[in-house]
Amino acid sequence: MNIVSEPAQVRAAVREWKANGLRVGFVPTMGYLHEGHGSLIRAACEQNDKVVVSIFVNPMQFGPGEDLESYPRDMERDSAYVEQLGADLIFHPQPETMYAEDFCTFVDMTGLTEGLCGKSRPVHFRGVCTIVTKLFHIVQPDRAYFGQKDAQQLAVIRRMVRDLDMDIEVVGCPIVREPDGLAKSSRNTYLSGPERQAALILSQTIRFGEQLVADGETDARELVRKMTEKIETEPLARVDYVEAVDGRMLQPTDRVKAPLLVAMAVYIGKTRLIDNFMIE
């Protein structure tokens, strides 16, 4: 497995693969990889002939006061994990490689990016769309893999690919959880012992919401109210949002009707965690 830092190196490798008729899968990450990322890489390796994994902590998607500097990084550990999973190439560029000093071109989106996480992180999805577009142009994959935990991001990337006629299949993969239910996240490393225990309120509330729907709840506002009340029983939790939105347009809805995304962002101490469930 090769580790490269320049776009030209990625293009050369992919060009050779495609000249030999091979299909290329791509998994973009910000590193500090865990089993959630691993599930994406495994799926890519199973479904493609060659796999590229990018590891790049994208400064453009962090707002003022967010955790860009403290975001966990461990390239040695990550590269060993990627090699173990069977990927073929790691693209690990430096920020100055991806963003020239006079960089001034962005990919932005309206509608899908304005609610949920976009409400409290207004610059986030502009950064996501810009870096993913750049990575897609560099790697030229046949398929790209994203996790359902970041459900809004997955919806945004799918819409961007459709709207801009990118010849890429976007594959969404299920949420991977710890044995006790907490969704895998690089930010889980920020949690203290008591906070780690408190964070279980997210997955407990997800299961609670799923049960409410299974029991026949049809009022989305009532579903959100009950889920919010459950989160508020945890003293260390502070709700950013709990929302039920249409699964295609991500617009608020008052009915529990497929397709539906029920998503939440919750602060446990200073750490912001997300979780969700879908009704297909």
Protein backbone atom coordinates (compact mmCIF):
# COMPACT_ATOMS: atom_id res chain seq x y z
CA MET A 1 0.00 0.00 0.00
CA ASN A 2 1.29 3.45 -0.96
CA ILE A 3 0.91 6.71 0.96
CA VAL A 4 1.07 9.83 -1.22
CA SER A 5 0.62 13.53 -0.56
CA GLU A 6 0.28 15.08 -4.02
CA PRO A 7 -2.79 15.03 -6.30
CA ALA A 8 -0.63 14.13 -9.31
CA GLN A 9 0.47 10.92 -7.56
CA VAL A 10 -3.14 9.88 -6.97
CA ARG A 11 -4.11 10.69 -10.56
CA ALA A 12 -1.23 8.66 -11.94
CA ALA A 13 -2.15 5.58 -9.91
CA VAL A 14 -5.86 5.80 -10.74
CA ARG A 15 -5.15 6.43 -14.41
CA GLU A 16 -3.12 3.20 -14.58
CA TRP A 17 -5.81 1.21 -12.76
CA LYS A 18 -8.56 2.45 -15.05
CA ALA A 19 -6.45 1.78 -18.14
CA ASN A 20 -6.50 -1.84 -17.01
CA GLY A 21 -10.30 -1.81 -16.65
CA LEU A 22 -10.32 -1.74 -12.84
CA ARG A 23 -13.08 -0.13 -10.76
CA VAL A 24 -12.02 2.35 -8.10
CA GLY A 25 -13.65 2.89 -4.73
CA PHE A 26 -12.98 5.92 -2.53
CA VAL A 27 -13.39 6.55 1.20
CA PRO A 28 -12.79 10.18 2.27
CA THR A 29 -11.95 10.56 5.98
CA MET A 30 -10.50 13.05 8.44
CA GLY A 31 -8.42 10.33 10.05
CA TYR A 32 -8.21 8.96 13.58
CA LEU A 33 -9.96 5.96 12.09
CA HIS A 34 -12.32 3.68 13.96
CA GLU A 35 -14.56 0.74 13.12
CA GLY A 36 -17.10 3.05 11.50
CA HIS A 37 -14.49 4.10 8.95
CA GLY A 38 -13.40 0.47 8.78
CA SER A 39 -16.87 -0.59 7.66
CA LEU A 40 -16.69 1.89 4.78
CA ILE A 41 -13.25 0.69 3.72
CA ARG A 42 -14.33 -2.95 3.90
CA ALA A 43 -17.38 -2.24 1.75
CA ALA A 44 -15.22 -0.38 -0.77
CA CYS A 45 -12.73 -3.26 -0.93
CA GLU A 46 -15.52 -5.79 -1.43
CA GLN A 47 -17.22 -3.84 -4.20
CA ASN A 48 -14.24 -2.48 -6.17
CA ASP A 49 -10.91 -3.63 -7.61
CA LYS A 50 -8.86 -0.80 -6.08
CA VAL A 51 -9.54 1.49 -3.10
CA VAL A 52 -8.24 4.95 -2.22
CA VAL A 53 -8.62 6.32 1.32
CA SER A 54 -8.01 10.02 1.94
CA ILE A 55 -6.92 11.27 5.36
CA PHE A 56 -7.25 15.03 5.61
CA VAL A 57 -8.51 17.18 8.49
CA ASN A 58 -10.29 19.80 6.42
CA PRO A 59 -9.90 23.26 7.98
CA MET A 60 -12.64 24.74 5.80
CA GLN A 61 -15.43 22.80 7.54
CA PHE A 62 -14.49 23.99 11.04
CA GLY A 63 -16.06 27.23 12.27
CA PRO A 64 -14.55 29.74 14.72
CA GLY A 65 -14.07 28.19 18.16
CA GLU A 66 -14.49 24.62 16.88
CA ASP A 67 -11.98 21.85 17.47
CA LEU A 68 -9.70 22.06 14.41
CA GLU A 69 -6.45 22.22 16.40
CA SER A 70 -7.47 19.59 18.95
CA TYR A 71 -9.07 17.19 16.45
CA PRO A 72 -7.34 13.82 17.06
CA ARG A 73 -4.66 12.75 14.59
CA ASP A 74 -2.54 9.56 14.42
CA MET A 75 -1.26 8.89 10.91
CA GLU A 76 0.91 5.94 11.90
CA ARG A 77 -2.02 4.15 13.51
CA ASP A 78 -4.37 5.07 10.65
CA SER A 79 -2.06 3.86 7.88
CA ALA A 80 -1.54 0.50 9.61
CA TYR A 81 -5.33 0.12 9.96
CA VAL A 82 -6.00 1.01 6.31
CA GLU A 83 -3.34 -1.46 5.14
CA GLN A 84 -4.81 -4.18 7.35
CA LEU A 85 -8.23 -3.63 5.77
CA GLY A 86 -6.83 -4.07 2.27
CA ALA A 87 -6.99 -0.61 0.68
CA ASP A 88 -4.43 0.21 -1.99
CA LEU A 89 -3.58 3.90 -1.61
CA ILE A 90 -3.75 6.59 1.10
CA PHE A 91 -3.95 10.21 -0.02
CA HIS A 92 -2.65 12.34 2.86
CA PRO A 93 -2.21 15.92 1.63
CA GLN A 94 -1.18 18.98 3.61
CA PRO A 95 -3.60 21.93 3.92
CA GLU A 96 -1.42 24.11 1.69
CA THR A 97 -1.64 21.45 -1.02
CA MET A 98 -5.43 21.49 -1.00
CA TYR A 99 -5.84 25.23 -0.46
CA ALA A 100 -3.43 27.61 -2.15
CA GLU A 101 -2.76 30.87 -0.35
CA ASP A 102 -5.04 32.72 -2.79
CA PHE A 103 -7.74 30.01 -2.89
CA CYS A 104 -11.12 31.63 -3.59
CA THR A 105 -13.40 29.02 -5.22
CA PHE A 106 -16.08 27.23 -3.22
CA VAL A 107 -18.92 24.74 -3.70
CA ASP A 108 -22.02 25.75 -1.78
CA MET A 109 -25.58 24.52 -1.43
CA THR A 110 -28.89 25.92 -0.22
CA GLY A 111 -31.88 24.12 1.26
CA LEU A 112 -30.43 20.84 2.49
CA THR A 113 -27.61 22.57 4.38
CA GLU A 114 -29.62 25.16 6.30
CA GLY A 115 -31.26 23.00 8.98
CA LEU A 116 -30.02 20.33 11.39
CA CYS A 117 -26.23 20.67 11.79
CA GLY A 118 -26.16 23.53 9.30
CA LYS A 119 -28.15 25.71 11.68
CA SER A 120 -25.47 25.77 14.39
CA ARG A 121 -22.50 25.17 12.04
CA PRO A 122 -23.21 27.62 9.18
CA VAL A 123 -19.84 27.24 7.38
CA HIS A 124 -19.60 23.48 7.78
CA PHE A 125 -21.28 22.19 4.62
CA ARG A 126 -19.65 24.75 2.36
CA GLY A 127 -16.36 23.24 3.54
CA VAL A 128 -17.64 19.69 3.10
CA CYS A 129 -18.93 20.28 -0.43
CA THR A 130 -15.77 22.09 -1.50
CA ILE A 131 -13.32 19.48 -0.21
CA VAL A 132 -15.36 16.50 -1.41
CA THR A 133 -15.63 18.03 -4.88
CA LYS A 134 -11.85 18.56 -4.94
CA LEU A 135 -11.23 14.99 -3.77
CA PHE A 136 -13.66 13.58 -6.35
CA HIS A 137 -11.82 15.48 -9.11
CA ILE A 138 -8.46 14.18 -7.88
CA VAL A 139 -9.43 10.54 -7.31
CA GLN A 140 -12.05 10.12 -10.07
CA PRO A 141 -13.66 7.16 -8.27
CA ASP A 142 -16.44 4.97 -9.59
CA ARG A 143 -17.96 4.72 -6.08
CA ALA A 144 -17.55 6.81 -2.92
CA TYR A 145 -18.51 5.65 0.58
CA PHE A 146 -20.03 7.68 3.43
CA GLY A 147 -21.51 6.73 6.79
CA GLN A 148 -25.19 7.06 7.70
CA LYS A 149 -24.19 8.53 11.10
CA ASP A 150 -23.54 11.78 9.22
CA ALA A 151 -26.97 11.54 7.59
CA GLN A 152 -27.20 15.19 6.56
CA GLN A 153 -23.73 15.04 5.01
CA LEU A 154 -24.70 11.90 3.09
CA ALA A 155 -27.85 13.60 1.76
CA VAL A 156 -25.88 16.72 0.82
CA ILE A 157 -23.21 14.73 -1.05
CA ARG A 158 -25.84 12.74 -2.92
CA ARG A 159 -27.61 15.93 -3.97
CA MET A 160 -24.35 17.61 -4.99
CA VAL A 161 -23.39 14.62 -7.14
CA ARG A 162 -26.81 14.67 -8.79
CA ASP A 163 -27.00 18.44 -9.28
CA LEU A 164 -23.47 18.73 -10.70
CA ASP A 165 -23.72 15.60 -12.89
CA MET A 166 -20.76 13.86 -11.26
CA ASP A 167 -20.31 10.36 -12.62
CA ILE A 168 -19.92 8.76 -9.18
CA GLU A 169 -22.09 6.32 -7.25
CA VAL A 170 -22.49 7.48 -3.64
CA VAL A 171 -22.83 4.52 -1.25
CA GLY A 172 -24.25 5.02 2.25
CA CYS A 173 -23.22 2.53 4.95
CA PRO A 174 -25.00 1.80 8.26
CA ILE A 175 -24.03 3.35 11.60
CA VAL A 176 -21.45 1.31 13.52
CA ARG A 177 -21.88 1.32 17.29
CA GLU A 178 -19.91 0.40 20.39
CA PRO A 179 -21.19 -2.70 22.24
CA ASP A 180 -23.13 -0.39 24.60
CA GLY A 181 -24.79 1.45 21.70
CA LEU A 182 -22.79 4.67 21.39
CA ALA A 183 -22.22 5.55 17.73
CA LYS A 184 -18.54 5.31 16.79
CA SER A 185 -16.96 8.76 16.44
CA SER A 186 -13.46 10.21 16.55
CA ARG A 187 -14.83 12.79 18.99
CA ASN A 188 -15.68 10.06 21.53
CA THR A 189 -12.03 10.34 22.58
CA TYR A 190 -12.80 13.76 24.07
CA LEU A 191 -15.18 12.28 26.65
CA SER A 192 -14.17 11.79 30.27
CA GLY A 193 -15.29 8.63 32.09
CA PRO A 194 -18.53 10.17 33.44
CA GLU A 195 -19.17 11.88 30.09
CA ARG A 196 -18.68 8.61 28.21
CA GLN A 197 -21.38 7.05 30.37
CA ALA A 198 -23.65 10.07 29.94
CA ALA A 199 -23.23 9.90 26.15
CA LEU A 200 -25.24 6.69 26.11
CA ILE A 201 -28.34 8.88 26.36
CA LEU A 202 -28.03 9.46 22.60
CA SER A 203 -28.34 5.82 21.54
CA GLN A 204 -30.91 5.18 24.29
CA THR A 205 -33.01 8.01 22.90
CA ILE A 206 -32.62 6.68 19.36
CA ARG A 207 -33.95 3.29 20.47
CA PHE A 208 -36.73 5.04 22.40
CA GLY A 209 -37.74 6.99 19.29
CA GLU A 210 -37.68 3.88 17.12
CA GLN A 211 -39.94 2.14 19.63
CA LEU A 212 -42.36 5.05 19.68
CA VAL A 213 -42.68 4.77 15.89
CA ALA A 214 -43.05 0.99 16.09
CA ASP A 215 -45.82 1.50 18.65
CA GLY A 216 -47.72 3.72 16.22
CA GLU A 217 -46.65 7.31 16.87
CA THR A 218 -47.62 9.35 13.80
CA ASP A 219 -47.10 12.93 15.06
CA ALA A 220 -43.51 13.96 14.34
CA ARG A 221 -43.73 16.91 16.72
CA GLU A 222 -44.80 14.63 19.56
CA LEU A 223 -42.03 12.19 18.67
CA VAL A 224 -39.44 14.97 18.86
CA ARG A 225 -40.89 16.31 22.13
CA LYS A 226 -40.70 12.92 23.85
CA MET A 227 -37.19 12.24 22.57
CA THR A 228 -36.03 15.67 23.74
CA GLU A 229 -37.50 15.08 27.18
CA LYS A 230 -35.62 11.80 27.43
CA ILE A 231 -32.28 13.43 26.58
CA GLU A 232 -32.93 16.11 29.19
CA THR A 233 -33.07 13.45 31.92
CA GLU A 234 -29.26 13.24 31.60
CA PRO A 235 -27.67 16.10 33.62
CA LEU A 236 -24.49 16.21 31.49
CA ALA A 237 -26.43 16.47 28.20
CA ARG A 238 -27.37 19.72 26.45
CA VAL A 239 -29.56 19.46 23.36
CA ASP A 240 -28.43 21.29 20.24
CA TYR A 241 -31.34 19.92 18.23
CA VAL A 242 -33.71 17.00 17.86
CA GLU A 243 -35.61 17.14 14.58
CA ALA A 244 -37.74 15.00 12.30
CA VAL A 245 -37.32 15.94 8.65
CA ASP A 246 -38.28 14.63 5.25
CA GLY A 247 -35.65 12.10 4.23
CA ARG A 248 -35.14 13.59 0.77
CA MET A 249 -35.27 17.37 1.18
CA LEU A 250 -34.39 17.49 4.93
CA GLN A 251 -37.27 19.89 5.54
CA PRO A 252 -39.25 19.80 8.82
CA THR A 253 -42.37 17.65 8.79
CA ASP A 254 -45.21 17.11 11.24
CA ARG A 255 -45.96 13.55 10.13
CA VAL A 256 -44.14 10.30 10.76
CA LYS A 257 -44.08 9.10 7.18
CA ALA A 258 -41.35 7.45 5.11
CA PRO A 259 -38.86 8.59 4.09
CA LEU A 260 -38.14 10.27 7.42
CA LEU A 261 -34.88 11.20 9.13
CA VAL A 262 -34.95 11.70 12.89
CA ALA A 263 -31.65 13.32 13.84
CA MET A 264 -30.08 14.84 16.93
CA ALA A 265 -27.00 16.71 18.04
CA VAL A 266 -26.25 16.76 21.75
CA TYR A 267 -23.43 18.29 23.77
CA ILE A 268 -21.99 16.03 26.43
CA GLY A 269 -19.88 18.49 28.36
CA LYS A 270 -18.06 20.37 25.61
CA THR A 271 -18.24 17.51 23.09
CA ARG A 272 -20.88 17.67 20.37
CA LEU A 273 -22.15 14.23 19.30
CA ILE A 274 -24.70 13.26 16.65
CA ASP A 275 -26.96 10.28 16.06
CA ASN A 276 -30.04 9.46 14.00
CA PHE A 277 -32.41 6.87 12.66
CA MET A 278 -34.19 6.58 9.34
CA ILE A 279 -37.64 5.41 8.39
CA GLU A 280 -37.31 4.22 4.80
